[in-house]
């Protein structure tokens, strides 16, 4: 099985009450910040999307982005609700200028982060 979920698999995960994620990488002007999205189903069946920003405190030996410091811990996450995954996907493509969206199971953004570090030639 590959790392990425297709849209049907992503929808199934959401319907089962699981969180899925999309690693965005360095999307802010401050290139010391890494970002990802967390998507989950709400009780009323909508899809909630959270944009999460962390300071890049890692390296190939330490890729647990979930432990990194939040950019603004007092503000919380930017959260937007959508009627369904299709509407959410359309928004993600437009807002973040993505042709392909790499949905992954919760917890796998750290592997995406490790790939980014390798791409950048960091250790």
PDB file of N, CA and C in Angstrom:
ATOM      1  N   UNK A   1       0.846  -1.185   0.000  1.00  0.00           N
ATOM      2  CA  UNK A   1       0.000   0.000   0.000  1.00  0.00           C
ATOM      3  C   UNK A   1       0.885   1.239   0.000  1.00  0.00           C
ATOM      4  N   UNK A   2       0.547   2.235  -0.811  1.00  0.00           N
ATOM      5  CA  UNK A   2       1.298   3.469  -0.881  1.00  0.00           C
ATOM      6  C   UNK A   2       0.975   4.379   0.284  1.00  0.00           C
ATOM      7  N   UNK A   3       1.742   5.423   0.378  1.00  0.00           N
ATOM      8  CA  UNK A   3       1.555   6.386   1.459  1.00  0.00           C
ATOM      9  C   UNK A   3       0.290   7.210   1.269  1.00  0.00           C
ATOM     10  N   UNK A   4      -0.037   7.511   0.004  1.00  0.00           N
ATOM     11  CA  UNK A   4      -1.133   8.431  -0.264  1.00  0.00           C
ATOM     12  C   UNK A   4      -2.472   7.723  -0.401  1.00  0.00           C
ATOM     13  N   UNK A   5      -3.505   8.424   0.050  1.00  0.00           N
ATOM     14  CA  UNK A   5      -4.876   7.935  -0.064  1.00  0.00           C
ATOM     15  C   UNK A   5      -5.512   8.587  -1.277  1.00  0.00           C
ATOM     16  N   UNK A   6      -6.246   7.798  -2.069  1.00  0.00           N
ATOM     17  CA  UNK A   6      -7.013   8.437  -3.133  1.00  0.00           C
ATOM     18  C   UNK A   6      -8.255   9.062  -2.498  1.00  0.00           C
ATOM     19  N   UNK A   7      -9.027   9.765  -3.284  1.00  0.00           N
ATOM     20  CA  UNK A   7     -10.171  10.491  -2.722  1.00  0.00           C
ATOM     21  C   UNK A   7     -11.175   9.543  -2.060  1.00  0.00           C
ATOM     22  N   UNK A   8     -11.415   8.373  -2.648  1.00  0.00           N
ATOM     23  CA  UNK A   8     -12.349   7.416  -2.037  1.00  0.00           C
ATOM     24  C   UNK A   8     -11.828   6.900  -0.707  1.00  0.00           C
ATOM     25  N   UNK A   9     -10.535   6.578  -0.651  1.00  0.00           N
ATOM     26  CA  UNK A   9      -9.943   6.112   0.609  1.00  0.00           C
ATOM     27  C   UNK A   9      -9.981   7.214   1.661  1.00  0.00           C
ATOM     28  N   UNK A  10      -9.697   8.437   1.247  1.00  0.00           N
ATOM     29  CA  UNK A  10      -9.741   9.571   2.175  1.00  0.00           C
ATOM     30  C   UNK A  10     -11.153   9.746   2.729  1.00  0.00           C
ATOM     31  N   UNK A  11     -12.137   9.653   1.853  1.00  0.00           N
ATOM     32  CA  UNK A  11     -13.531   9.798   2.282  1.00  0.00           C
ATOM     33  C   UNK A  11     -13.924   8.673   3.242  1.00  0.00           C
ATOM     34  N   UNK A  12     -13.472   7.468   2.962  1.00  0.00           N
ATOM     35  CA  UNK A  12     -13.770   6.336   3.844  1.00  0.00           C
ATOM     36  C   UNK A  12     -13.165   6.565   5.225  1.00  0.00           C
ATOM     37  N   UNK A  13     -11.921   7.007   5.264  1.00  0.00           N
ATOM     38  CA  UNK A  13     -11.271   7.291   6.553  1.00  0.00           C
ATOM     39  C   UNK A  13     -12.068   8.329   7.341  1.00  0.00           C
ATOM     40  N   UNK A  14     -12.466   9.390   6.666  1.00  0.00           N
ATOM     41  CA  UNK A  14     -13.257  10.425   7.347  1.00  0.00           C
ATOM     42  C   UNK A  14     -14.565   9.856   7.877  1.00  0.00           C
ATOM     43  N   UNK A  15     -15.237   9.050   7.067  1.00  0.00           N
ATOM     44  CA  UNK A  15     -16.510   8.457   7.484  1.00  0.00           C
ATOM     45  C   UNK A  15     -16.345   7.504   8.664  1.00  0.00           C
ATOM     46  N   UNK A  16     -15.142   6.945   8.819  1.00  0.00           N
ATOM     47  CA  UNK A  16     -14.859   6.060   9.947  1.00  0.00           C
ATOM     48  C   UNK A  16     -14.416   6.835  11.190  1.00  0.00           C
ATOM     49  N   UNK A  17     -14.415   8.165  11.088  1.00  0.00           N
ATOM     50  CA  UNK A  17     -14.056   9.001  12.225  1.00  0.00           C
ATOM     51  C   UNK A  17     -12.563   9.249  12.362  1.00  0.00           C
ATOM     52  N   UNK A  18     -11.794   8.911  11.335  1.00  0.00           N
ATOM     53  CA  UNK A  18     -10.351   9.112  11.382  1.00  0.00           C
ATOM     54  C   UNK A  18      -9.985  10.486  10.844  1.00  0.00           C
ATOM     55  N   UNK A  19      -8.858  10.981  11.291  1.00  0.00           N
ATOM     56  CA  UNK A  19      -8.303  12.232  10.789  1.00  0.00           C
ATOM     57  C   UNK A  19      -7.335  11.906   9.661  1.00  0.00           C
ATOM     58  N   UNK A  20      -7.366  12.701   8.605  1.00  0.00           N
ATOM     59  CA  UNK A  20      -6.389  12.582   7.534  1.00  0.00           C
ATOM     60  C   UNK A  20      -5.650  13.905   7.417  1.00  0.00           C
ATOM     61  N   UNK A  21      -4.499  13.885   6.771  1.00  0.00           N
ATOM     62  CA  UNK A  21      -3.671  15.086   6.713  1.00  0.00           C
ATOM     63  C   UNK A  21      -3.162  15.335   5.301  1.00  0.00           C
ATOM     64  N   UNK A  22      -2.754  16.572   5.072  1.00  0.00           N
ATOM     65  CA  UNK A  22      -2.117  16.987   3.816  1.00  0.00           C
ATOM     66  C   UNK A  22      -0.915  17.838   4.204  1.00  0.00           C
ATOM     67  N   UNK A  23       0.287  17.384   3.871  1.00  0.00           N
ATOM     68  CA  UNK A  23       1.496  18.148   4.167  1.00  0.00           C
ATOM     69  C   UNK A  23       1.658  19.231   3.115  1.00  0.00           C
ATOM     70  N   UNK A  24       1.813  20.470   3.557  1.00  0.00           N
ATOM     71  CA  UNK A  24       1.954  21.590   2.639  1.00  0.00           C
ATOM     72  C   UNK A  24       3.402  22.077   2.529  1.00  0.00           C
ATOM     73  N   UNK A  25       4.200  21.831   3.555  1.00  0.00           N
ATOM     74  CA  UNK A  25       5.597  22.252   3.530  1.00  0.00           C
ATOM     75  C   UNK A  25       5.751  23.715   3.870  1.00  0.00           C
ATOM     76  N   UNK A  26       6.613  24.387   3.122  1.00  0.00           N
ATOM     77  CA  UNK A  26       6.944  25.792   3.391  1.00  0.00           C
ATOM     78  C   UNK A  26       6.085  26.701   2.512  1.00  0.00           C
ATOM     79  N   UNK A  27       4.951  27.103   3.026  1.00  0.00           N
ATOM     80  CA  UNK A  27       4.037  27.941   2.244  1.00  0.00           C
ATOM     81  C   UNK A  27       4.032  29.391   2.704  1.00  0.00           C
ATOM     82  N   UNK A  28       4.637  29.667   3.853  1.00  0.00           N
ATOM     83  CA  UNK A  28       4.653  31.026   4.395  1.00  0.00           C
ATOM     84  C   UNK A  28       5.917  31.745   3.938  1.00  0.00           C
ATOM     85  N   UNK A  29       5.905  33.069   4.030  1.00  0.00           N
ATOM     86  CA  UNK A  29       7.105  33.849   3.705  1.00  0.00           C
ATOM     87  C   UNK A  29       8.261  33.443   4.598  1.00  0.00           C
ATOM     88  N   UNK A  30       7.971  33.188   5.859  1.00  0.00           N
ATOM     89  CA  UNK A  30       8.991  32.730   6.805  1.00  0.00           C
ATOM     90  C   UNK A  30       9.269  31.262   6.497  1.00  0.00           C
ATOM     91  N   UNK A  31      10.391  30.988   5.875  1.00  0.00           N
ATOM     92  CA  UNK A  31      10.714  29.626   5.440  1.00  0.00           C
ATOM     93  C   UNK A  31      11.143  28.730   6.600  1.00  0.00           C
ATOM     94  N   UNK A  32      11.116  29.266   7.814  1.00  0.00           N
ATOM     95  CA  UNK A  32      11.379  28.446   8.995  1.00  0.00           C
ATOM     96  C   UNK A  32      10.085  27.838   9.536  1.00  0.00           C
ATOM     97  N   UNK A  33       9.002  28.005   8.794  1.00  0.00           N
ATOM     98  CA  UNK A  33       7.695  27.491   9.200  1.00  0.00           C
ATOM     99  C   UNK A  33       7.275  26.395   8.224  1.00  0.00           C
ATOM    100  N   UNK A  34       6.745  25.310   8.774  1.00  0.00           N
ATOM    101  CA  UNK A  34       6.169  24.250   7.941  1.00  0.00           C
ATOM    102  C   UNK A  34       4.689  24.136   8.287  1.00  0.00           C
ATOM    103  N   UNK A  35       3.905  23.781   7.289  1.00  0.00           N
ATOM    104  CA  UNK A  35       2.447  23.769   7.451  1.00  0.00           C
ATOM    105  C   UNK A  35       1.854  22.469   6.952  1.00  0.00           C
ATOM    106  N   UNK A  36       0.745  22.091   7.565  1.00  0.00           N
ATOM    107  CA  UNK A  36      -0.024  20.944   7.087  1.00  0.00           C
ATOM    108  C   UNK A  36      -1.487  21.150   7.436  1.00  0.00           C
ATOM    109  N   UNK A  37      -2.330  20.356   6.806  1.00  0.00           N
ATOM    110  CA  UNK A  37      -3.765  20.398   7.053  1.00  0.00           C
ATOM    111  C   UNK A  37      -4.191  19.129   7.776  1.00  0.00           C
ATOM    112  N   UNK A  38      -5.122  19.256   8.695  1.00  0.00           N
ATOM    113  CA  UNK A  38      -5.767  18.111   9.336  1.00  0.00           C
ATOM    114  C   UNK A  38      -7.243  18.179   8.978  1.00  0.00           C
ATOM    115  N   UNK A  39      -7.777  17.086   8.438  1.00  0.00           N
ATOM    116  CA  UNK A  39      -9.183  17.023   8.035  1.00  0.00           C
ATOM    117  C   UNK A  39      -9.889  15.959   8.860  1.00  0.00           C
ATOM    118  N   UNK A  40     -11.080  16.284   9.336  1.00  0.00           N
ATOM    119  CA  UNK A  40     -11.886  15.338  10.105  1.00  0.00           C
ATOM    120  C   UNK A  40     -13.362  15.598   9.853  1.00  0.00           C
ATOM    121  N   UNK A  41     -14.182  14.605  10.113  1.00  0.00           N
ATOM    122  CA  UNK A  41     -15.639  14.746   9.978  1.00  0.00           C
ATOM    123  C   UNK A  41     -16.193  15.303  11.271  1.00  0.00           C
ATOM    124  N   UNK A  42     -17.124  16.232  11.153  1.00  0.00           N
ATOM    125  CA  UNK A  42     -17.807  16.772  12.327  1.00  0.00           C
ATOM    126  C   UNK A  42     -19.023  15.901  12.630  1.00  0.00           C
ATOM    127  N   UNK A  43     -19.633  16.124  13.774  1.00  0.00           N
ATOM    128  CA  UNK A  43     -20.802  15.326  14.156  1.00  0.00           C
ATOM    129  C   UNK A  43     -21.958  15.498  13.188  1.00  0.00           C
ATOM    130  N   UNK A  44     -22.028  16.672  12.536  1.00  0.00           N
ATOM    131  CA  UNK A  44     -23.127  16.902  11.594  1.00  0.00           C
ATOM    132  C   UNK A  44     -22.779  16.463  10.162  1.00  0.00           C
ATOM    133  N   UNK A  45     -21.635  15.757  10.005  1.00  0.00           N
ATOM    134  CA  UNK A  45     -21.289  15.183   8.707  1.00  0.00           C
ATOM    135  C   UNK A  45     -20.480  16.085   7.794  1.00  0.00           C
ATOM    136  N   UNK A  46     -20.158  17.276   8.260  1.00  0.00           N
ATOM    137  CA  UNK A  46     -19.340  18.183   7.448  1.00  0.00           C
ATOM    138  C   UNK A  46     -17.865  17.803   7.584  1.00  0.00           C
ATOM    139  N   UNK A  47     -17.027  18.356   6.733  1.00  0.00           N
ATOM    140  CA  UNK A  47     -15.581  18.138   6.815  1.00  0.00           C
ATOM    141  C   UNK A  47     -14.945  19.392   7.390  1.00  0.00           C
ATOM    142  N   UNK A  48     -14.232  19.227   8.491  1.00  0.00           N
ATOM    143  CA  UNK A  48     -13.523  20.325   9.125  1.00  0.00           C
ATOM    144  C   UNK A  48     -12.058  20.259   8.720  1.00  0.00           C
ATOM    145  N   UNK A  49     -11.520  21.387   8.282  1.00  0.00           N
ATOM    146  CA  UNK A  49     -10.123  21.476   7.881  1.00  0.00           C
ATOM    147  C   UNK A  49      -9.410  22.447   8.808  1.00  0.00           C
ATOM    148  N   UNK A  50      -8.307  22.022   9.384  1.00  0.00           N
ATOM    149  CA  UNK A  50      -7.482  22.889  10.222  1.00  0.00           C
ATOM    150  C   UNK A  50      -6.140  23.102   9.528  1.00  0.00           C
ATOM    151  N   UNK A  51      -5.716  24.353   9.434  1.00  0.00           N
ATOM    152  CA  UNK A  51      -4.389  24.691   8.937  1.00  0.00           C
ATOM    153  C   UNK A  51      -3.481  24.850  10.146  1.00  0.00           C
ATOM    154  N   UNK A  52      -2.412  24.059  10.180  1.00  0.00           N
ATOM    155  CA  UNK A  52      -1.526  24.031  11.341  1.00  0.00           C
ATOM    156  C   UNK A  52      -0.129  24.452  10.899  1.00  0.00           C
ATOM    157  N   UNK A  53       0.441  25.430  11.607  1.00  0.00           N
ATOM    158  CA  UNK A  53       1.771  25.946  11.305  1.00  0.00           C
ATOM    159  C   UNK A  53       2.695  25.692  12.492  1.00  0.00           C
ATOM    160  N   UNK A  54       3.862  25.103  12.212  1.00  0.00           N
ATOM    161  CA  UNK A  54       4.886  24.839  13.228  1.00  0.00           C
ATOM    162  C   UNK A  54       6.206  25.454  12.785  1.00  0.00           C
ATOM    163  N   UNK A  55       7.027  25.838  13.759  1.00  0.00           N
ATOM    164  CA  UNK A  55       8.398  26.217  13.433  1.00  0.00           C
ATOM    165  C   UNK A  55       9.159  24.948  13.078  1.00  0.00           C
ATOM    166  N   UNK A  56      10.031  25.051  12.099  1.00  0.00           N
ATOM    167  CA  UNK A  56      10.838  23.914  11.659  1.00  0.00           C
ATOM    168  C   UNK A  56      11.974  23.717  12.653  1.00  0.00           C
ATOM    169  N   UNK A  57      11.817  22.744  13.522  1.00  0.00           N
ATOM    170  CA  UNK A  57      12.807  22.479  14.569  1.00  0.00           C
ATOM    171  C   UNK A  57      13.465  21.121  14.381  1.00  0.00           C
ATOM    172  N   UNK A  58      13.331  20.544  13.191  1.00  0.00           N
ATOM    173  CA  UNK A  58      13.780  19.182  13.005  1.00  0.00           C
ATOM    174  C   UNK A  58      14.972  19.001  12.108  1.00  0.00           C
ATOM    175  N   UNK A  59      15.304  17.727  11.939  1.00  0.00           N
ATOM    176  CA  UNK A  59      16.343  17.260  11.035  1.00  0.00           C
ATOM    177  C   UNK A  59      16.032  15.790  10.734  1.00  0.00           C
ATOM    178  N   UNK A  60      16.879  15.119   9.982  1.00  0.00           N
ATOM    179  CA  UNK A  60      16.578  13.733   9.614  1.00  0.00           C
ATOM    180  C   UNK A  60      16.518  12.797  10.820  1.00  0.00           C
ATOM    181  N   UNK A  61      17.140  13.190  11.910  1.00  0.00           N
ATOM    182  CA  UNK A  61      17.094  12.380  13.131  1.00  0.00           C
ATOM    183  C   UNK A  61      15.843  12.682  13.961  1.00  0.00           C
ATOM    184  N   UNK A  62      15.238  13.826  13.697  1.00  0.00           N
ATOM    185  CA  UNK A  62      14.082  14.265  14.492  1.00  0.00           C
ATOM    186  C   UNK A  62      13.043  14.858  13.541  1.00  0.00           C
ATOM    187  N   UNK A  63      12.061  14.039  13.148  1.00  0.00           N
ATOM    188  CA  UNK A  63      11.071  14.467  12.160  1.00  0.00           C
ATOM    189  C   UNK A  63       9.658  14.576  12.725  1.00  0.00           C
ATOM    190  N   UNK A  64       9.515  14.501  14.040  1.00  0.00           N
ATOM    191  CA  UNK A  64       8.178  14.518  14.642  1.00  0.00           C
ATOM    192  C   UNK A  64       7.617  15.938  14.681  1.00  0.00           C
ATOM    193  N   UNK A  65       7.078  16.374  13.548  1.00  0.00           N
ATOM    194  CA  UNK A  65       6.584  17.751  13.449  1.00  0.00           C
ATOM    195  C   UNK A  65       5.474  18.044  14.454  1.00  0.00           C
ATOM    196  N   UNK A  66       4.822  17.013  14.943  1.00  0.00           N
ATOM    197  CA  UNK A  66       3.733  17.212  15.898  1.00  0.00           C
ATOM    198  C   UNK A  66       4.261  17.723  17.241  1.00  0.00           C
ATOM    199  N   UNK A  67       5.563  17.559  17.482  1.00  0.00           N
ATOM    200  CA  UNK A  67       6.199  18.053  18.704  1.00  0.00           C
ATOM    201  C   UNK A  67       6.784  19.444  18.540  1.00  0.00           C
ATOM    202  N   UNK A  68       6.880  19.939  17.312  1.00  0.00           N
ATOM    203  CA  UNK A  68       7.478  21.252  17.066  1.00  0.00           C
ATOM    204  C   UNK A  68       6.576  22.343  17.648  1.00  0.00           C
ATOM    205  N   UNK A  69       7.180  23.474  17.936  1.00  0.00           N
ATOM    206  CA  UNK A  69       6.443  24.617  18.493  1.00  0.00           C
ATOM    207  C   UNK A  69       5.473  25.188  17.466  1.00  0.00           C
ATOM    208  N   UNK A  70       4.272  25.549  17.939  1.00  0.00           N
ATOM    209  CA  UNK A  70       3.294  26.223  17.079  1.00  0.00           C
ATOM    210  C   UNK A  70       3.744  27.646  16.815  1.00  0.00           C
ATOM    211  N   UNK A  71       3.465  28.152  15.640  1.00  0.00           N
ATOM    212  CA  UNK A  71       3.824  29.519  15.295  1.00  0.00           C
ATOM    213  C   UNK A  71       3.104  30.491  16.220  1.00  0.00           C
ATOM    214  N   UNK A  72       1.827  30.271  16.452  1.00  0.00           N
ATOM    215  CA  UNK A  72       1.064  31.131  17.347  1.00  0.00           C
ATOM    216  C   UNK A  72       0.185  30.260  18.241  1.00  0.00           C
ATOM    217  N   UNK A  73       0.721  29.794  19.373  1.00  0.00           N
ATOM    218  CA  UNK A  73      -0.041  28.884  20.227  1.00  0.00           C
ATOM    219  C   UNK A  73      -1.303  29.505  20.830  1.00  0.00           C
ATOM    220  N   UNK A  74      -1.349  30.829  20.936  1.00  0.00           N
ATOM    221  CA  UNK A  74      -2.518  31.488  21.513  1.00  0.00           C
ATOM    222  C   UNK A  74      -3.672  31.609  20.529  1.00  0.00           C
ATOM    223  N   UNK A  75      -3.320  31.685  19.239  1.00  0.00           N
ATOM    224  CA  UNK A  75      -4.360  31.900  18.237  1.00  0.00           C
ATOM    225  C   UNK A  75      -5.099  30.605  17.876  1.00  0.00           C
ATOM    226  N   UNK A  76      -4.448  29.475  18.056  1.00  0.00           N
ATOM    227  CA  UNK A  76      -5.060  28.213  17.651  1.00  0.00           C
ATOM    228  C   UNK A  76      -4.879  27.993  16.165  1.00  0.00           C
ATOM    229  N   UNK A  77      -5.681  27.132  15.599  1.00  0.00           N
ATOM    230  CA  UNK A  77      -5.585  26.792  14.186  1.00  0.00           C
ATOM    231  C   UNK A  77      -6.623  27.564  13.391  1.00  0.00           C
ATOM    232  N   UNK A  78      -6.299  27.828  12.152  1.00  0.00           N
ATOM    233  CA  UNK A  78      -7.318  28.343  11.244  1.00  0.00           C
ATOM    234  C   UNK A  78      -8.202  27.155  10.897  1.00  0.00           C
ATOM    235  N   UNK A  79      -9.505  27.272  11.132  1.00  0.00           N
ATOM    236  CA  UNK A  79     -10.433  26.169  10.896  1.00  0.00           C
ATOM    237  C   UNK A  79     -11.531  26.611   9.942  1.00  0.00           C
ATOM    238  N   UNK A  80     -11.793  25.762   8.945  1.00  0.00           N
ATOM    239  CA  UNK A  80     -12.853  26.029   7.977  1.00  0.00           C
ATOM    240  C   UNK A  80     -13.659  24.744   7.812  1.00  0.00           C
ATOM    241  N   UNK A  81     -14.978  24.875   7.742  1.00  0.00           N
ATOM    242  CA  UNK A  81     -15.856  23.723   7.543  1.00  0.00           C
ATOM    243  C   UNK A  81     -16.419  23.706   6.126  1.00  0.00           C
ATOM    244  N   UNK A  82     -16.564  22.498   5.584  1.00  0.00           N
ATOM    245  CA  UNK A  82     -17.078  22.288   4.235  1.00  0.00           C
ATOM    246  C   UNK A  82     -18.205  21.262   4.274  1.00  0.00           C
ATOM    247  N   UNK A  83     -19.062  21.312   3.269  1.00  0.00           N
ATOM    248  CA  UNK A  83     -20.173  20.366   3.189  1.00  0.00           C
ATOM    249  C   UNK A  83     -19.688  18.929   2.991  1.00  0.00           C
ATOM    250  N   UNK A  84     -18.597  18.768   2.221  1.00  0.00           N
ATOM    251  CA  UNK A  84     -18.107  17.420   1.916  1.00  0.00           C
ATOM    252  C   UNK A  84     -16.633  17.503   1.518  1.00  0.00           C
ATOM    253  N   UNK A  85     -16.030  16.336   1.286  1.00  0.00           N
ATOM    254  CA  UNK A  85     -14.616  16.279   0.933  1.00  0.00           C
ATOM    255  C   UNK A  85     -14.354  16.917  -0.424  1.00  0.00           C
ATOM    256  N   UNK A  86     -15.274  16.778  -1.357  1.00  0.00           N
ATOM    257  CA  UNK A  86     -15.087  17.371  -2.682  1.00  0.00           C
ATOM    258  C   UNK A  86     -14.965  18.893  -2.583  1.00  0.00           C
ATOM    259  N   UNK A  87     -15.838  19.515  -1.824  1.00  0.00           N
ATOM    260  CA  UNK A  87     -15.779  20.963  -1.638  1.00  0.00           C
ATOM    261  C   UNK A  87     -14.467  21.369  -0.958  1.00  0.00           C
ATOM    262  N   UNK A  88     -14.051  20.595   0.029  1.00  0.00           N
ATOM    263  CA  UNK A  88     -12.803  20.854   0.738  1.00  0.00           C
ATOM    264  C   UNK A  88     -11.611  20.727  -0.213  1.00  0.00           C
ATOM    265  N   UNK A  89     -11.613  19.687  -1.025  1.00  0.00           N
ATOM    266  CA  UNK A  89     -10.534  19.447  -1.984  1.00  0.00           C
ATOM    267  C   UNK A  89     -10.422  20.591  -2.984  1.00  0.00           C
ATOM    268  N   UNK A  90     -11.545  21.060  -3.484  1.00  0.00           N
ATOM    269  CA  UNK A  90     -11.535  22.194  -4.416  1.00  0.00           C
ATOM    270  C   UNK A  90     -10.912  23.427  -3.763  1.00  0.00           C
ATOM    271  N   UNK A  91     -11.281  23.677  -2.514  1.00  0.00           N
ATOM    272  CA  UNK A  91     -10.727  24.811  -1.779  1.00  0.00           C
ATOM    273  C   UNK A  91      -9.207  24.671  -1.609  1.00  0.00           C
ATOM    274  N   UNK A  92      -8.749  23.491  -1.217  1.00  0.00           N
ATOM    275  CA  UNK A  92      -7.320  23.245  -1.009  1.00  0.00           C
ATOM    276  C   UNK A  92      -6.541  23.495  -2.300  1.00  0.00           C
ATOM    277  N   UNK A  93      -7.060  22.964  -3.403  1.00  0.00           N
ATOM    278  CA  UNK A  93      -6.377  23.151  -4.694  1.00  0.00           C
ATOM    279  C   UNK A  93      -6.222  24.631  -5.045  1.00  0.00           C
ATOM    280  N   UNK A  94      -7.302  25.380  -4.851  1.00  0.00           N
ATOM    281  CA  UNK A  94      -7.277  26.799  -5.210  1.00  0.00           C
ATOM    282  C   UNK A  94      -6.422  27.618  -4.248  1.00  0.00           C
ATOM    283  N   UNK A  95      -6.622  27.436  -2.963  1.00  0.00           N
ATOM    284  CA  UNK A  95      -5.918  28.266  -1.980  1.00  0.00           C
ATOM    285  C   UNK A  95      -4.417  28.005  -1.962  1.00  0.00           C
ATOM    286  N   UNK A  96      -4.025  26.741  -2.095  1.00  0.00           N
ATOM    287  CA  UNK A  96      -2.614  26.401  -1.978  1.00  0.00           C
ATOM    288  C   UNK A  96      -1.962  26.093  -3.329  1.00  0.00           C
ATOM    289  N   UNK A  97      -2.701  26.340  -4.411  1.00  0.00           N
ATOM    290  CA  UNK A  97      -2.192  26.180  -5.779  1.00  0.00           C
ATOM    291  C   UNK A  97      -1.597  24.784  -6.001  1.00  0.00           C
ATOM    292  N   UNK A  98      -2.376  23.759  -5.683  1.00  0.00           N
ATOM    293  CA  UNK A  98      -1.927  22.373  -5.819  1.00  0.00           C
ATOM    294  C   UNK A  98      -2.638  21.683  -6.971  1.00  0.00           C
ATOM    295  N   UNK A  99      -1.883  20.986  -7.793  1.00  0.00           N
ATOM    296  CA  UNK A  99      -2.478  20.148  -8.828  1.00  0.00           C
ATOM    297  C   UNK A  99      -2.919  18.818  -8.227  1.00  0.00           C
ATOM    298  N   UNK A 100      -2.057  18.260  -7.387  1.00  0.00           N
ATOM    299  CA  UNK A 100      -2.336  16.998  -6.707  1.00  0.00           C
ATOM    300  C   UNK A 100      -2.346  17.238  -5.206  1.00  0.00           C
ATOM    301  N   UNK A 101      -3.252  16.568  -4.523  1.00  0.00           N
ATOM    302  CA  UNK A 101      -3.325  16.672  -3.070  1.00  0.00           C
ATOM    303  C   UNK A 101      -2.928  15.320  -2.497  1.00  0.00           C
ATOM    304  N   UNK A 102      -1.902  15.327  -1.662  1.00  0.00           N
ATOM    305  CA  UNK A 102      -1.399  14.091  -1.064  1.00  0.00           C
ATOM    306  C   UNK A 102      -2.035  13.821   0.284  1.00  0.00           C
ATOM    307  N   UNK A 103      -3.233  13.228   0.270  1.00  0.00           N
ATOM    308  CA  UNK A 103      -3.879  12.849   1.528  1.00  0.00           C
ATOM    309  C   UNK A 103      -3.094  11.696   2.153  1.00  0.00           C
ATOM    310  N   UNK A 104      -2.826  11.802   3.457  1.00  0.00           N
ATOM    311  CA  UNK A 104      -2.168  10.717   4.187  1.00  0.00           C
ATOM    312  C   UNK A 104      -2.933  10.478   5.484  1.00  0.00           C
ATOM    313  N   UNK A 105      -2.747   9.293   6.041  1.00  0.00           N
ATOM    314  CA  UNK A 105      -3.330   9.002   7.345  1.00  0.00           C
ATOM    315  C   UNK A 105      -2.673   9.886   8.394  1.00  0.00           C
ATOM    316  N   UNK A 106      -3.395  10.165   9.452  1.00  0.00           N
ATOM    317  CA  UNK A 106      -2.878  10.974  10.538  1.00  0.00           C
ATOM    318  C   UNK A 106      -1.568  10.374  11.045  1.00  0.00           C
ATOM    319  N   UNK A 107      -0.577  11.231  11.228  1.00  0.00           N
ATOM    320  CA  UNK A 107       0.714  10.792  11.727  1.00  0.00           C
ATOM    321  C   UNK A 107       1.774  10.650  10.656  1.00  0.00           C
ATOM    322  N   UNK A 108       1.378  10.654   9.394  1.00  0.00           N
ATOM    323  CA  UNK A 108       2.344  10.445   8.316  1.00  0.00           C
ATOM    324  C   UNK A 108       2.947  11.740   7.770  1.00  0.00           C
ATOM    325  N   UNK A 109       2.518  12.883   8.268  1.00  0.00           N
ATOM    326  CA  UNK A 109       3.122  14.141   7.815  1.00  0.00           C
ATOM    327  C   UNK A 109       4.599  14.193   8.167  1.00  0.00           C
ATOM    328  N   UNK A 110       5.005  13.501   9.213  1.00  0.00           N
ATOM    329  CA  UNK A 110       6.428  13.505   9.557  1.00  0.00           C
ATOM    330  C   UNK A 110       7.256  12.808   8.484  1.00  0.00           C
ATOM    331  N   UNK A 111       6.698  11.823   7.787  1.00  0.00           N
ATOM    332  CA  UNK A 111       7.404  11.197   6.675  1.00  0.00           C
ATOM    333  C   UNK A 111       7.501  12.161   5.493  1.00  0.00           C
ATOM    334  N   UNK A 112       6.437  12.937   5.285  1.00  0.00           N
ATOM    335  CA  UNK A 112       6.458  13.957   4.244  1.00  0.00           C
ATOM    336  C   UNK A 112       7.521  15.011   4.576  1.00  0.00           C
ATOM    337  N   UNK A 113       7.616  15.366   5.842  1.00  0.00           N
ATOM    338  CA  UNK A 113       8.624  16.331   6.295  1.00  0.00           C
ATOM    339  C   UNK A 113      10.030  15.783   6.057  1.00  0.00           C
ATOM    340  N   UNK A 114      10.253  14.511   6.367  1.00  0.00           N
ATOM    341  CA  UNK A 114      11.564  13.886   6.127  1.00  0.00           C
ATOM    342  C   UNK A 114      11.915  13.950   4.640  1.00  0.00           C
ATOM    343  N   UNK A 115      10.935  13.722   3.774  1.00  0.00           N
ATOM    344  CA  UNK A 115      11.171  13.821   2.327  1.00  0.00           C
ATOM    345  C   UNK A 115      11.578  15.247   1.942  1.00  0.00           C
ATOM    346  N   UNK A 116      10.937  16.241   2.559  1.00  0.00           N
ATOM    347  CA  UNK A 116      11.265  17.642   2.291  1.00  0.00           C
ATOM    348  C   UNK A 116      12.709  17.935   2.689  1.00  0.00           C
ATOM    349  N   UNK A 117      13.121  17.472   3.852  1.00  0.00           N
ATOM    350  CA  UNK A 117      14.490  17.692   4.320  1.00  0.00           C
ATOM    351  C   UNK A 117      15.487  17.079   3.330  1.00  0.00           C
ATOM    352  N   UNK A 118      15.197  15.871   2.886  1.00  0.00           N
ATOM    353  CA  UNK A 118      16.092  15.203   1.921  1.00  0.00           C
ATOM    354  C   UNK A 118      16.154  15.978   0.610  1.00  0.00           C
ATOM    355  N   UNK A 119      15.000  16.442   0.130  1.00  0.00           N
ATOM    356  CA  UNK A 119      14.943  17.253  -1.104  1.00  0.00           C
ATOM    357  C   UNK A 119      15.799  18.498  -0.984  1.00  0.00           C
ATOM    358  N   UNK A 120      15.752  19.110   0.190  1.00  0.00           N
ATOM    359  CA  UNK A 120      16.500  20.351   0.420  1.00  0.00           C
ATOM    360  C   UNK A 120      17.988  20.102   0.674  1.00  0.00           C
ATOM    361  N   UNK A 121      18.354  18.821   0.821  1.00  0.00           N
ATOM    362  CA  UNK A 121      19.757  18.485   1.067  1.00  0.00           C
ATOM    363  C   UNK A 121      20.198  18.718   2.491  1.00  0.00           C
ATOM    364  N   UNK A 122      19.239  18.819   3.388  1.00  0.00           N
ATOM    365  CA  UNK A 122      19.563  19.013   4.813  1.00  0.00           C
ATOM    366  C   UNK A 122      19.789  17.663   5.473  1.00  0.00           C
ATOM    367  N   UNK A 123      20.450  17.690   6.596  1.00  0.00           N
ATOM    368  CA  UNK A 123      20.685  16.449   7.353  1.00  0.00           C
ATOM    369  C   UNK A 123      20.115  16.541   8.730  1.00  0.00           C
TER     370      UNK A 123
END
